[in-house]
Structure formats: structure tokens, C-alpha cells
C-alpha atoms as a PDB file:
ATOM      1  CA  UNK A   1    -247.885-111.711  81.586  1.00  0.00           C
ATOM      2  CA  UNK A   2    -244.527-111.228  80.405  1.00  0.00           C
ATOM      3  CA  UNK A   3    -243.196-114.041  82.139  1.00  0.00           C
ATOM      4  CA  UNK A   4    -245.569-116.786  80.476  1.00  0.00           C
ATOM      5  CA  UNK A   5    -243.826-119.547  78.465  1.00  0.00           C
ATOM      6  CA  UNK A   6    -244.250-119.335  74.828  1.00  0.00           C
ATOM      7  CA  UNK A   7    -245.212-122.245  72.769  1.00  0.00           C
ATOM      8  CA  UNK A   8    -242.921-123.339  69.932  1.00  0.00           C
ATOM      9  CA  UNK A   9    -244.049-126.161  67.294  1.00  0.00           C
ATOM     10  CA  UNK A  10    -241.698-129.489  67.562  1.00  0.00           C
ATOM     11  CA  UNK A  11    -241.629-131.454  64.099  1.00  0.00           C
ATOM     12  CA  UNK A  12    -241.058-134.979  64.676  1.00  0.00           C
ATOM     13  CA  UNK A  13    -240.267-137.296  61.955  1.00  0.00           C
ATOM     14  CA  UNK A  14    -242.087-139.877  64.194  1.00  0.00           C
ATOM     15  CA  UNK A  15    -244.973-138.414  65.906  1.00  0.00           C
ATOM     16  CA  UNK A  16    -245.440-135.257  63.910  1.00  0.00           C
ATOM     17  CA  UNK A  17    -246.015-131.643  64.954  1.00  0.00           C
ATOM     18  CA  UNK A  18    -246.470-131.028  68.909  1.00  0.00           C
ATOM     19  CA  UNK A  19    -246.570-127.524  70.647  1.00  0.00           C
ATOM     20  CA  UNK A  20    -244.288-127.550  73.421  1.00  0.00           C
ATOM     21  CA  UNK A  21    -242.701-125.113  75.591  1.00  0.00           C
ATOM     22  CA  UNK A  22    -239.029-124.843  77.431  1.00  0.00           C
ATOM     23  CA  UNK A  23    -237.937-125.852  80.823  1.00  0.00           C
ATOM     24  CA  UNK A  24    -234.809-124.770  81.956  1.00  0.00           C
ATOM     25  CA  UNK A  25    -232.796-125.810  84.610  1.00  0.00           C
ATOM     26  CA  UNK A  26    -229.462-126.395  86.275  1.00  0.00           C
ATOM     27  CA  UNK A  27    -227.444-130.101  86.369  1.00  0.00           C
ATOM     28  CA  UNK A  28    -226.950-130.700  90.114  1.00  0.00           C
ATOM     29  CA  UNK A  29    -223.251-132.042  89.624  1.00  0.00           C
ATOM     30  CA  UNK A  30    -221.836-129.645  87.328  1.00  0.00           C
ATOM     31  CA  UNK A  31    -224.368-126.544  87.323  1.00  0.00           C
ATOM     32  CA  UNK A  32    -224.435-126.838  83.090  1.00  0.00           C
ATOM     33  CA  UNK A  33    -227.625-125.756  81.555  1.00  0.00           C
ATOM     34  CA  UNK A  34    -230.446-128.587  81.427  1.00  0.00           C
ATOM     35  CA  UNK A  35    -233.195-127.867  78.523  1.00  0.00           C
ATOM     36  CA  UNK A  36    -236.338-129.801  78.419  1.00  0.00           C
ATOM     37  CA  UNK A  37    -239.122-129.929  76.250  1.00  0.00           C
ATOM     38  CA  UNK A  38    -242.627-130.204  77.862  1.00  0.00           C
ATOM     39  CA  UNK A  39    -245.682-130.720  76.061  1.00  0.00           C
ATOM     40  CA  UNK A  40    -249.509-130.196  77.216  1.00  0.00           C
ATOM     41  CA  UNK A  41    -251.743-133.384  77.758  1.00  0.00           C
ATOM     42  CA  UNK A  42    -255.075-133.121  79.172  1.00  0.00           C
ATOM     43  CA  UNK A  43    -254.641-129.919  80.668  1.00  0.00           C
ATOM     44  CA  UNK A  44    -251.321-130.866  82.261  1.00  0.00           C
ATOM     45  CA  UNK A  45    -247.444-130.091  81.787  1.00  0.00           C
ATOM     46  CA  UNK A  46    -245.853-133.553  80.801  1.00  0.00           C
ATOM     47  CA  UNK A  47    -241.967-133.948  79.332  1.00  0.00           C
ATOM     48  CA  UNK A  48    -241.985-134.091  76.114  1.00  0.00           C
ATOM     49  CA  UNK A  49    -238.243-134.698  75.715  1.00  0.00           C
ATOM     50  CA  UNK A  50    -234.421-133.385  76.680  1.00  0.00           C
ATOM     51  CA  UNK A  51    -232.690-131.142  74.629  1.00  0.00           C
ATOM     52  CA  UNK A  52    -229.817-131.521  76.537  1.00  0.00           C
ATOM     53  CA  UNK A  53    -227.527-134.047  77.975  1.00  0.00           C
ATOM     54  CA  UNK A  54    -225.141-134.200  80.911  1.00  0.00           C
ATOM     55  CA  UNK A  55    -221.744-135.521  80.052  1.00  0.00           C
ATOM     56  CA  UNK A  56    -218.504-135.615  82.072  1.00  0.00           C
ATOM     57  CA  UNK A  57    -217.231-132.838  80.586  1.00  0.00           C
ATOM     58  CA  UNK A  58    -219.499-130.051  81.422  1.00  0.00           C
ATOM     59  CA  UNK A  59    -220.591-127.536  78.656  1.00  0.00           C
ATOM     60  CA  UNK A  60    -219.727-123.948  78.806  1.00  0.00           C
ATOM     61  CA  UNK A  61    -222.200-121.374  80.113  1.00  0.00           C
ATOM     62  CA  UNK A  62    -225.086-121.006  77.429  1.00  0.00           C
ATOM     63  CA  UNK A  63    -224.336-123.966  75.886  1.00  0.00           C
ATOM     64  CA  UNK A  64    -225.071-127.499  75.843  1.00  0.00           C
ATOM     65  CA  UNK A  65    -224.819-131.018  74.299  1.00  0.00           C
ATOM     66  CA  UNK A  66    -227.803-131.919  72.500  1.00  0.00           C
ATOM     67  CA  UNK A  67    -229.563-134.884  72.803  1.00  0.00           C
ATOM     68  CA  UNK A  68    -229.280-136.444  69.141  1.00  0.00           C
ATOM     69  CA  UNK A  69    -229.660-140.074  70.708  1.00  0.00           C
ATOM     70  CA  UNK A  70    -233.255-140.061  71.818  1.00  0.00           C
ATOM     71  CA  UNK A  71    -234.208-136.952  69.594  1.00  0.00           C
ATOM     72  CA  UNK A  72    -232.892-137.172  66.237  1.00  0.00           C
ATOM     73  CA  UNK A  73    -234.865-134.050  65.141  1.00  0.00           C
ATOM     74  CA  UNK A  74    -233.347-131.592  67.668  1.00  0.00           C
ATOM     75  CA  UNK A  75    -230.522-130.359  65.741  1.00  0.00           C
ATOM     76  CA  UNK A  76    -233.088-129.313  63.000  1.00  0.00           C
ATOM     77  CA  UNK A  77    -235.553-127.635  65.739  1.00  0.00           C
ATOM     78  CA  UNK A  78    -232.876-125.453  67.039  1.00  0.00           C
ATOM     79  CA  UNK A  79    -231.547-124.386  63.642  1.00  0.00           C
ATOM     80  CA  UNK A  80    -234.685-123.524  62.486  1.00  0.00           C
ATOM     81  CA  UNK A  81    -236.085-122.011  65.042  1.00  0.00           C
ATOM     82  CA  UNK A  82    -233.013-119.944  65.372  1.00  0.00           C
ATOM     83  CA  UNK A  83    -232.028-121.403  69.041  1.00  0.00           C
ATOM     84  CA  UNK A  84    -228.760-121.959  68.818  1.00  0.00           C
ATOM     85  CA  UNK A  85    -225.563-122.604  66.643  1.00  0.00           C
ATOM     86  CA  UNK A  86    -223.621-125.274  66.477  1.00  0.00           C
ATOM     87  CA  UNK A  87    -219.945-124.456  67.983  1.00  0.00           C
ATOM     88  CA  UNK A  88    -218.118-127.501  65.986  1.00  0.00           C
ATOM     89  CA  UNK A  89    -217.308-129.056  69.351  1.00  0.00           C
ATOM     90  CA  UNK A  90    -218.815-132.591  69.610  1.00  0.00           C
ATOM     91  CA  UNK A  91    -217.896-135.355  73.078  1.00  0.00           C
ATOM     92  CA  UNK A  92    -218.612-138.925  72.331  1.00  0.00           C
ATOM     93  CA  UNK A  93    -220.343-141.008  75.215  1.00  0.00           C
ATOM     94  CA  UNK A  94    -220.561-144.412  74.599  1.00  0.00           C
ATOM     95  CA  UNK A  95    -221.396-145.078  70.821  1.00  0.00           C
ATOM     96  CA  UNK A  96    -222.970-141.371  70.424  1.00  0.00           C
ATOM     97  CA  UNK A  97    -221.601-137.948  69.199  1.00  0.00           C
ATOM     98  CA  UNK A  98    -223.228-135.336  70.951  1.00  0.00           C
ATOM     99  CA  UNK A  99    -222.596-131.537  69.298  1.00  0.00           C
ATOM    100  CA  UNK A 100    -221.999-128.900  71.676  1.00  0.00           C
ATOM    101  CA  UNK A 101    -224.450-125.725  70.684  1.00  0.00           C
ATOM    102  CA  UNK A 102    -224.119-122.374  72.218  1.00  0.00           C
ATOM    103  CA  UNK A 103    -227.785-121.315  72.344  1.00  0.00           C
ATOM    104  CA  UNK A 104    -229.286-117.606  71.584  1.00  0.00           C
ATOM    105  CA  UNK A 105    -229.767-115.920  74.798  1.00  0.00           C
ATOM    106  CA  UNK A 106    -232.540-113.763  73.627  1.00  0.00           C
ATOM    107  CA  UNK A 107    -234.704-116.364  72.351  1.00  0.00           C
ATOM    108  CA  UNK A 108    -234.644-118.733  75.694  1.00  0.00           C
ATOM    109  CA  UNK A 109    -234.945-115.473  77.855  1.00  0.00           C
ATOM    110  CA  UNK A 110    -238.280-114.937  75.483  1.00  0.00           C
ATOM    111  CA  UNK A 111    -239.467-118.328  75.807  1.00  0.00           C
ATOM    112  CA  UNK A 112    -238.797-119.315  79.309  1.00  0.00           C
ATOM    113  CA  UNK A 113    -238.525-115.889  81.383  1.00  0.00           C
ATOM    114  CA  UNK A 114    -238.377-117.482  84.336  1.00  0.00           C
ATOM    115  CA  UNK A 115    -236.078-120.233  83.894  1.00  0.00           C
ATOM    116  CA  UNK A 116    -233.214-118.316  82.399  1.00  0.00           C
ATOM    117  CA  UNK A 117    -233.636-115.485  85.351  1.00  0.00           C
ATOM    118  CA  UNK A 118    -232.615-118.686  87.851  1.00  0.00           C
ATOM    119  CA  UNK A 119    -229.962-119.802  85.614  1.00  0.00           C
ATOM    120  CA  UNK A 120    -228.195-116.592  85.051  1.00  0.00           C
ATOM    121  CA  UNK A 121    -229.105-115.497  88.760  1.00  0.00           C
ATOM    122  CA  UNK A 122    -227.062-118.985  89.474  1.00  0.00           C
ATOM    123  CA  UNK A 123    -224.249-118.431  87.267  1.00  0.00           C
ATOM    124  CA  UNK A 124    -223.738-114.902  88.185  1.00  0.00           C
ATOM    125  CA  UNK A 125    -224.487-113.400  85.103  1.00  0.00           C
ATOM    126  CA  UNK A 126    -225.372-109.912  86.051  1.00  0.00           C
ATOM    127  CA  UNK A 127    -225.641-108.071  82.944  1.00  0.00           C
ATOM    128  CA  UNK A 128    -226.475-109.450  79.075  1.00  0.00           C
ATOM    129  CA  UNK A 129    -223.643-110.984  77.167  1.00  0.00           C
ATOM    130  CA  UNK A 130    -221.654-108.937  74.920  1.00  0.00           C
ATOM    131  CA  UNK A 131    -222.871-108.076  71.527  1.00  0.00           C
ATOM    132  CA  UNK A 132    -220.404-106.833  68.864  1.00  0.00           C
ATOM    133  CA  UNK A 133    -221.240-105.620  64.940  1.00  0.00           C
ATOM    134  CA  UNK A 134    -220.517-108.447  62.852  1.00  0.00           C
ATOM    135  CA  UNK A 135    -218.375-108.121  59.749  1.00  0.00           C
ATOM    136  CA  UNK A 136    -220.762-110.034  57.622  1.00  0.00           C
ATOM    137  CA  UNK A 137    -224.182-107.704  56.700  1.00  0.00           C
ATOM    138  CA  UNK A 138    -223.848-105.627  59.813  1.00  0.00           C
ATOM    139  CA  UNK A 139    -225.476-107.688  61.903  1.00  0.00           C
ATOM    140  CA  UNK A 140    -225.467-107.804  65.637  1.00  0.00           C
ATOM    141  CA  UNK A 141    -223.955-111.088  67.287  1.00  0.00           C
ATOM    142  CA  UNK A 142    -223.737-112.396  70.483  1.00  0.00           C
ATOM    143  CA  UNK A 143    -220.055-112.740  71.922  1.00  0.00           C
ATOM    144  CA  UNK A 144    -219.712-115.989  74.631  1.00  0.00           C
ATOM    145  CA  UNK A 145    -216.326-117.193  75.363  1.00  0.00           C
ATOM    146  CA  UNK A 146    -215.444-120.642  74.920  1.00  0.00           C
ATOM    147  CA  UNK A 147    -212.548-122.725  75.651  1.00  0.00           C
ATOM    148  CA  UNK A 148    -210.627-123.847  72.962  1.00  0.00           C
ATOM    149  CA  UNK A 149    -210.044-127.287  74.209  1.00  0.00           C
ATOM    150  CA  UNK A 150    -213.469-128.215  75.186  1.00  0.00           C
ATOM    151  CA  UNK A 151    -212.096-131.402  76.986  1.00  0.00           C
ATOM    152  CA  UNK A 152    -210.199-129.173  79.482  1.00  0.00           C
ATOM    153  CA  UNK A 153    -212.976-126.779  80.348  1.00  0.00           C
ATOM    154  CA  UNK A 154    -213.708-126.837  84.260  1.00  0.00           C
ATOM    155  CA  UNK A 155    -216.297-125.311  86.063  1.00  0.00           C
ATOM    156  CA  UNK A 156    -214.780-122.570  88.556  1.00  0.00           C
ATOM    157  CA  UNK A 157    -216.013-121.985  92.203  1.00  0.00           C
ATOM    158  CA  UNK A 158    -214.177-119.055  93.184  1.00  0.00           C
ATOM    159  CA  UNK A 159    -211.054-116.666  92.132  1.00  0.00           C
ATOM    160  CA  UNK A 160    -211.186-118.728  88.933  1.00  0.00           C
ATOM    161  CA  UNK A 161    -210.204-122.127  90.892  1.00  0.00           C
ATOM    162  CA  UNK A 162    -212.465-125.802  90.421  1.00  0.00           C
ATOM    163  CA  UNK A 163    -213.612-126.991  93.970  1.00  0.00           C
ATOM    164  CA  UNK A 164    -210.769-129.368  94.038  1.00  0.00           C
ATOM    165  CA  UNK A 165    -208.071-126.447  93.318  1.00  0.00           C
ATOM    166  CA  UNK A 166    -209.478-124.373  96.310  1.00  0.00           C
ATOM    167  CA  UNK A 167    -210.095-127.155  98.659  1.00  0.00           C
ATOM    168  CA  UNK A 168    -206.336-128.246  98.177  1.00  0.00           C
ATOM    169  CA  UNK A 169    -205.066-124.490  98.170  1.00  0.00           C
ATOM    170  CA  UNK A 170    -206.893-124.009 101.684  1.00  0.00           C
ATOM    171  CA  UNK A 171    -205.175-127.174 103.079  1.00  0.00           C
ATOM    172  CA  UNK A 172    -201.466-125.928 101.411  1.00  0.00           C
ATOM    173  CA  UNK A 173    -201.887-122.446 103.388  1.00  0.00           C
ATOM    174  CA  UNK A 174    -203.233-124.176 106.587  1.00  0.00           C
ATOM    175  CA  UNK A 175    -200.018-126.817 106.546  1.00  0.00           C
ATOM    176  CA  UNK A 176    -197.725-124.551 105.464  1.00  0.00           C
ATOM    177  CA  UNK A 177    -198.560-122.066 108.046  1.00  0.00           C
ATOM    178  CA  UNK A 178    -198.944-124.424 110.632  1.00  0.00           C
ATOM    179  CA  UNK A 179    -195.164-125.701 110.310  1.00  0.00           C
ATOM    180  CA  UNK A 180    -194.092-122.084 110.383  1.00  0.00           C
ATOM    181  CA  UNK A 181    -195.838-121.042 113.155  1.00  0.00           C
ATOM    182  CA  UNK A 182    -194.595-123.967 115.120  1.00  0.00           C
ATOM    183  CA  UNK A 183    -190.937-124.082 114.375  1.00  0.00           C
ATOM    184  CA  UNK A 184    -190.306-120.228 114.044  1.00  0.00           C
ATOM    185  CA  UNK A 185    -189.262-119.688 117.432  1.00  0.00           C
ATOM    186  CA  UNK A 186    -186.926-122.294 117.458  1.00  0.00           C
ATOM    187  CA  UNK A 187    -185.269-122.055 113.543  1.00  0.00           C
ATOM    188  CA  UNK A 188    -186.630-118.885 112.633  1.00  0.00           C
ATOM    189  CA  UNK A 189    -188.604-117.683 109.293  1.00  0.00           C
ATOM    190  CA  UNK A 190    -185.992-119.221 106.798  1.00  0.00           C
ATOM    191  CA  UNK A 191    -185.295-122.367 108.623  1.00  0.00           C
ATOM    192  CA  UNK A 192    -189.197-123.248 109.196  1.00  0.00           C
ATOM    193  CA  UNK A 193    -189.777-122.011 105.864  1.00  0.00           C
ATOM    194  CA  UNK A 194    -187.654-124.744 104.068  1.00  0.00           C
ATOM    195  CA  UNK A 195    -189.050-127.276 106.117  1.00  0.00           C
ATOM    196  CA  UNK A 196    -192.562-126.181 105.062  1.00  0.00           C
ATOM    197  CA  UNK A 197    -191.803-126.187 101.567  1.00  0.00           C
ATOM    198  CA  UNK A 198    -191.312-129.757 100.869  1.00  0.00           C
ATOM    199  CA  UNK A 199    -194.410-130.860 103.320  1.00  0.00           C
ATOM    200  CA  UNK A 200    -196.555-128.053 101.184  1.00  0.00           C
ATOM    201  CA  UNK A 201    -195.676-128.768  98.028  1.00  0.00           C
ATOM    202  CA  UNK A 202    -197.073-132.440  97.260  1.00  0.00           C
ATOM    203  CA  UNK A 203    -200.173-130.898  98.381  1.00  0.00           C
ATOM    204  CA  UNK A 204    -200.562-128.397  96.298  1.00  0.00           C
ATOM    205  CA  UNK A 205    -199.413-130.147  93.283  1.00  0.00           C
ATOM    206  CA  UNK A 206    -202.273-132.716  94.386  1.00  0.00           C
ATOM    207  CA  UNK A 207    -204.936-129.983  93.140  1.00  0.00           C
ATOM    208  CA  UNK A 208    -203.260-128.619  90.219  1.00  0.00           C
ATOM    209  CA  UNK A 209    -200.883-131.158  88.535  1.00  0.00           C
ATOM    210  CA  UNK A 210    -202.066-133.051  85.803  1.00  0.00           C
ATOM    211  CA  UNK A 211    -200.393-135.453  83.450  1.00  0.00           C
ATOM    212  CA  UNK A 212    -202.479-137.406  80.596  1.00  0.00           C
ATOM    213  CA  UNK A 213    -205.560-137.578  82.773  1.00  0.00           C
ATOM    214  CA  UNK A 214    -203.486-138.728  86.162  1.00  0.00           C
ATOM    215  CA  UNK A 215    -203.614-136.378  88.875  1.00  0.00           C
ATOM    216  CA  UNK A 216    -200.200-136.049  91.016  1.00  0.00           C
ATOM    217  CA  UNK A 217    -200.578-138.883  93.321  1.00  0.00           C
ATOM    218  CA  UNK A 218    -201.757-141.181  90.793  1.00  0.00           C
ATOM    219  CA  UNK A 219    -198.485-140.305  88.491  1.00  0.00           C
ATOM    220  CA  UNK A 220    -196.172-140.431  91.227  1.00  0.00           C
ATOM    221  CA  UNK A 221    -197.660-144.122  92.470  1.00  0.00           C
ATOM    222  CA  UNK A 222    -197.439-145.305  88.837  1.00  0.00           C
ATOM    223  CA  UNK A 223    -193.399-143.651  88.622  1.00  0.00           C
ATOM    224  CA  UNK A 224    -192.160-145.382  92.047  1.00  0.00           C
ATOM    225  CA  UNK A 225    -194.077-148.311  91.127  1.00  0.00           C
ATOM    226  CA  UNK A 226    -191.904-148.669  87.734  1.00  0.00           C
ATOM    227  CA  UNK A 227    -189.191-147.395  89.726  1.00  0.00           C
ATOM    228  CA  UNK A 228    -188.799-150.001  92.590  1.00  0.00           C
ATOM    229  CA  UNK A 229    -191.874-152.314  92.056  1.00  0.00           C
ATOM    230  CA  UNK A 230    -191.565-152.966  88.441  1.00  0.00           C
ATOM    231  CA  UNK A 231    -189.932-156.735  88.053  1.00  0.00           C
ATOM    232  CA  UNK A 232    -187.746-157.288  84.496  1.00  0.00           C
ATOM    233  CA  UNK A 233    -189.314-160.367  83.078  1.00  0.00           C
ATOM    234  CA  UNK A 234    -186.934-163.009  81.757  1.00  0.00           C
ATOM    235  CA  UNK A 235    -187.461-165.494  78.659  1.00  0.00           C
ATOM    236  CA  UNK A 236    -185.194-168.141  78.501  1.00  0.00           C
ATOM    237  CA  UNK A 237    -186.174-170.379  75.383  1.00  0.00           C
ATOM    238  CA  UNK A 238    -185.330-173.952  75.514  1.00  0.00           C
ATOM    239  CA  UNK A 239    -187.472-175.260  72.461  1.00  0.00           C
ATOM    240  CA  UNK A 240    -184.759-174.187  69.377  1.00  0.00           C
ATOM    241  CA  UNK A 241    -181.609-174.807  71.497  1.00  0.00           C
ATOM    242  CA  UNK A 242    -179.825-177.370  69.448  1.00  0.00           C
ATOM    243  CA  UNK A 243    -180.979-175.216  66.385  1.00  0.00           C
ATOM    244  CA  UNK A 244    -179.212-172.461  68.044  1.00  0.00           C
ATOM    245  CA  UNK A 245    -176.169-173.925  68.813  1.00  0.00           C
ATOM    246  CA  UNK A 246    -175.800-175.394  64.892  1.00  0.00           C
ATOM    247  CA  UNK A 247    -176.275-172.019  63.943  1.00  0.00           C
ATOM    248  CA  UNK A 248    -173.579-170.327  66.434  1.00  0.00           C
ATOM    249  CA  UNK A 249    -171.270-173.400  65.460  1.00  0.00           C
ATOM    250  CA  UNK A 250    -171.632-172.451  61.749  1.00  0.00           C
ATOM    251  CA  UNK A 251    -171.001-168.721  62.557  1.00  0.00           C
ATOM    252  CA  UNK A 252    -168.049-169.455  64.529  1.00  0.00           C
ATOM    253  CA  UNK A 253    -166.942-171.822  61.387  1.00  0.00           C
ATOM    254  CA  UNK A 254    -167.606-169.030  59.080  1.00  0.00           C
ATOM    255  CA  UNK A 255    -165.626-166.381  60.982  1.00  0.00           C
ATOM    256  CA  UNK A 256    -162.334-168.727  61.397  1.00  0.00           C
ATOM    257  CA  UNK A 257    -162.330-169.025  57.275  1.00  0.00           C
ATOM    258  CA  UNK A 258    -162.822-165.295  57.151  1.00  0.00           C
ATOM    259  CA  UNK A 259    -159.960-165.079  59.515  1.00  0.00           C
ATOM    260  CA  UNK A 260    -161.720-163.236  61.975  1.00  0.00           C
ATOM    261  CA  UNK A 261    -162.526-164.010  66.129  1.00  0.00           C
ATOM    262  CA  UNK A 262    -165.778-164.911  67.037  1.00  0.00           C
ATOM    263  CA  UNK A 263    -167.306-163.330  69.906  1.00  0.00           C
ATOM    264  CA  UNK A 264    -171.059-163.842  69.529  1.00  0.00           C
ATOM    265  CA  UNK A 265    -173.490-162.745  72.190  1.00  0.00           C
ATOM    266  CA  UNK A 266    -175.601-165.552  73.295  1.00  0.00           C
ATOM    267  CA  UNK A 267    -178.677-165.399  75.487  1.00  0.00           C
ATOM    268  CA  UNK A 268    -178.403-167.988  77.862  1.00  0.00           C
ATOM    269  CA  UNK A 269    -180.000-168.511  81.263  1.00  0.00           C
ATOM    270  CA  UNK A 270    -177.044-167.555  83.107  1.00  0.00           C
ATOM    271  CA  UNK A 271    -176.852-164.334  81.306  1.00  0.00           C
ATOM    272  CA  UNK A 272    -180.375-163.715  81.922  1.00  0.00           C
ATOM    273  CA  UNK A 273    -179.811-164.208  85.974  1.00  0.00           C
ATOM    274  CA  UNK A 274    -176.494-161.940  85.575  1.00  0.00           C
ATOM    275  CA  UNK A 275    -178.869-159.284  83.791  1.00  0.00           C
ATOM    276  CA  UNK A 276    -181.558-159.729  86.435  1.00  0.00           C
ATOM    277  CA  UNK A 277    -178.872-159.304  89.282  1.00  0.00           C
ATOM    278  CA  UNK A 278    -177.496-156.100  87.538  1.00  0.00           C
ATOM    279  CA  UNK A 279    -181.048-154.780  87.597  1.00  0.00           C
ATOM    280  CA  UNK A 280    -181.886-155.400  91.085  1.00  0.00           C
ATOM    281  CA  UNK A 281    -178.337-153.800  92.275  1.00  0.00           C
ATOM    282  CA  UNK A 282    -179.089-150.416  90.388  1.00  0.00           C
ATOM    283  CA  UNK A 283    -182.561-150.640  91.800  1.00  0.00           C
ATOM    284  CA  UNK A 284    -181.242-151.189  95.300  1.00  0.00           C
ATOM    285  CA  UNK A 285    -178.452-148.531  94.850  1.00  0.00           C
ATOM    286  CA  UNK A 286    -181.293-145.734  93.540  1.00  0.00           C
ATOM    287  CA  UNK A 287    -183.231-146.672  96.537  1.00  0.00           C
ATOM    288  CA  UNK A 288    -180.150-145.814  98.566  1.00  0.00           C
ATOM    289  CA  UNK A 289    -179.447-142.586  96.831  1.00  0.00           C
ATOM    290  CA  UNK A 290    -183.032-141.230  97.807  1.00  0.00           C
ATOM    291  CA  UNK A 291    -182.637-142.598 101.479  1.00  0.00           C
ATOM    292  CA  UNK A 292    -179.383-140.514 101.409  1.00  0.00           C
ATOM    293  CA  UNK A 293    -180.454-137.438 100.026  1.00  0.00           C
ATOM    294  CA  UNK A 294    -183.445-137.396 102.973  1.00  0.00           C
ATOM    295  CA  UNK A 295    -180.871-138.116 105.326  1.00  0.00           C
ATOM    296  CA  UNK A 296    -179.271-135.301 104.219  1.00  0.00           C
ATOM    297  CA  UNK A 297    -181.880-132.858 104.597  1.00  0.00           C
ATOM    298  CA  UNK A 298    -183.090-133.850 108.139  1.00  0.00           C
ATOM    299  CA  UNK A 299    -179.518-133.734 109.035  1.00  0.00           C
ATOM    300  CA  UNK A 300    -179.469-129.917 107.508  1.00  0.00           C
ATOM    301  CA  UNK A 301    -182.334-128.779 109.174  1.00  0.00           C
ATOM    302  CA  UNK A 302    -181.409-130.641 112.387  1.00  0.00           C
ATOM    303  CA  UNK A 303    -178.326-128.580 112.408  1.00  0.00           C
ATOM    304  CA  UNK A 304    -179.979-125.448 111.701  1.00  0.00           C
ATOM    305  CA  UNK A 305    -182.476-125.834 114.516  1.00  0.00           C
ATOM    306  CA  UNK A 306    -179.317-127.059 116.928  1.00  0.00           C
ATOM    307  CA  UNK A 307    -177.345-123.842 115.951  1.00  0.00           C
ATOM    308  CA  UNK A 308    -180.751-121.666 116.592  1.00  0.00           C
ATOM    309  CA  UNK A 309    -181.007-123.454 119.495  1.00  0.00           C
ATOM    310  CA  UNK A 310    -177.523-122.133 120.887  1.00  0.00           C
ATOM    311  CA  UNK A 311    -177.397-118.727 119.561  1.00  0.00           C
END
């Protein structure tokens, strides 16, 4: 009898009062908490509404984004029944702003014990969240850590790593270890490590590096595109050429009257072409420098290998 779901009255401004029970599960893609409400119709449990919504940014454990879009009275229901409190964070999706609530774990265990048991077993919670004495009124409050920046929250899989970071870490170890094992007998441990590092670094950065929402490969792709694939655009105006020439003549005349030499800088088709050629030359020079650097590294590795082979 202790595991029976208890009913709570949901007061809707549209449908009035309804007796509901709680259904607690997890979303499949990010394991965040799902809370739904069920009502009894003709002796059968029917879905009444979803308390939480599943957004691109996963909610922390024991938290959820309230479905204020489909259930406008849900915040009032949560606060009146002391089921949770607003964290101060919101997450926008489409035209709606969803508030992030920290749920009252003891209340949820009381209303849906089976669902909470499964949820806590899946997230690895083996003990109740820590409780401390509050400074206000000596009340006991629940303490659950939440990321300061909810947009950067990521669900960890093992050893504090996300699934992506774990996969790239394993790949880095396999590639680096394989290179060292293959080259160790030829160039020694130090030489093989020097060869492995530039091969492993891009793999590791692919799992851990992030800049303005871009991973390492996206960032480097854009960087290389702007370095080598981006072409400068030249705009040559011919519509006001007579007016420009007249203005230049007037400026030169004015400078001569003042006794100074005129050296006006004009943007013509020839100067634009010259600037384009300078840009292409600089780009070619940068590319050659990169190729030269790679060649030096390869030559150094080959020299080390030859030295080790002779000795």
C-alpha cells in the first residue's frame, strides 16, 4: 500500500478541478526527468497533461522545464502544492520561455514512489539529497547543486565525461598508443611520442574544444576557409566617375593655391586589381610557409628514424 500513487487536485482555469496522479519517467535522449499527470476516466488511467517538456538543453537531476505553453496553470499548481521552486533560470524554445524548477524530492517520493525509485536508480542516486539547516527560521531545506550556467550543462556518462568526450578520449588513447607501439622499435619512445602528439591532438580537441558553439573541426574549417578560400571582393564605381574627377581637380587646385603638393589616394580599377594581387600573393606565401613547416617536421622525424636505425 505504501507504493500506491496519491491523488492531487489540479485546478485548471479552463476545465476546473480534476483529481490527478503523477507519472515519473525519463526522456530517452538525455535521461532528464519527465513528469506527467494522469486522470481516471471510467476506471482507466488517461494522460491529463505533461508537467515537463524536453528541450535541447537537458535539465539537471531533480529539475525540469515546466510546460507553461500547454498547461498555463502549471506553475500555480507546483507552488501551491509545494512540489518545487523556481531556480531563476529559463530556456527559450520557439516563441515560449520555459522556467526551470527544482522539484521537492520528498513530495515526489510520496506521490509517485515507484517512479521515483526507478528514476533515482537510473541516475545513480544511492542516498537522499543532502539537507541542511536554513538560516531563515531554522527550516530544513534540500540542497542540490545546479550549474551556474544552465546552457553549459551536459549530462556526464562516466568519470565526469560526456558521451562525446568519452568516445574521443578512447580514440585518442588507441591512436596514440598504436603509433607509439608501431614506431617504438625504430625511433624509440621519445621519437614515437613526438610523432604521436600531432596525430592525437586533433582527435582530443574534437571531443573537448568548443568556441561559440562550434566544435574544433567546425572552427578550424571556418578558419582555413577564411585563410585560403575566402576571396576579397572588389567594388569599382563608374556611376559617379565624372563627379569624382571634378572633385579631385578642385582639391588639387586648392592644394596648389595653398602651396602644398597634392597626392590624393584614388581607388581605381587598376589599384583594386593591384590590391587583389597583393592579397593573393600573401595568401600563397602563408600556404608555402605552412607546407614548409610540415616538411621540416617530416624531415626531422625521418632524421631521427635514420639515426636510430644506424645506431
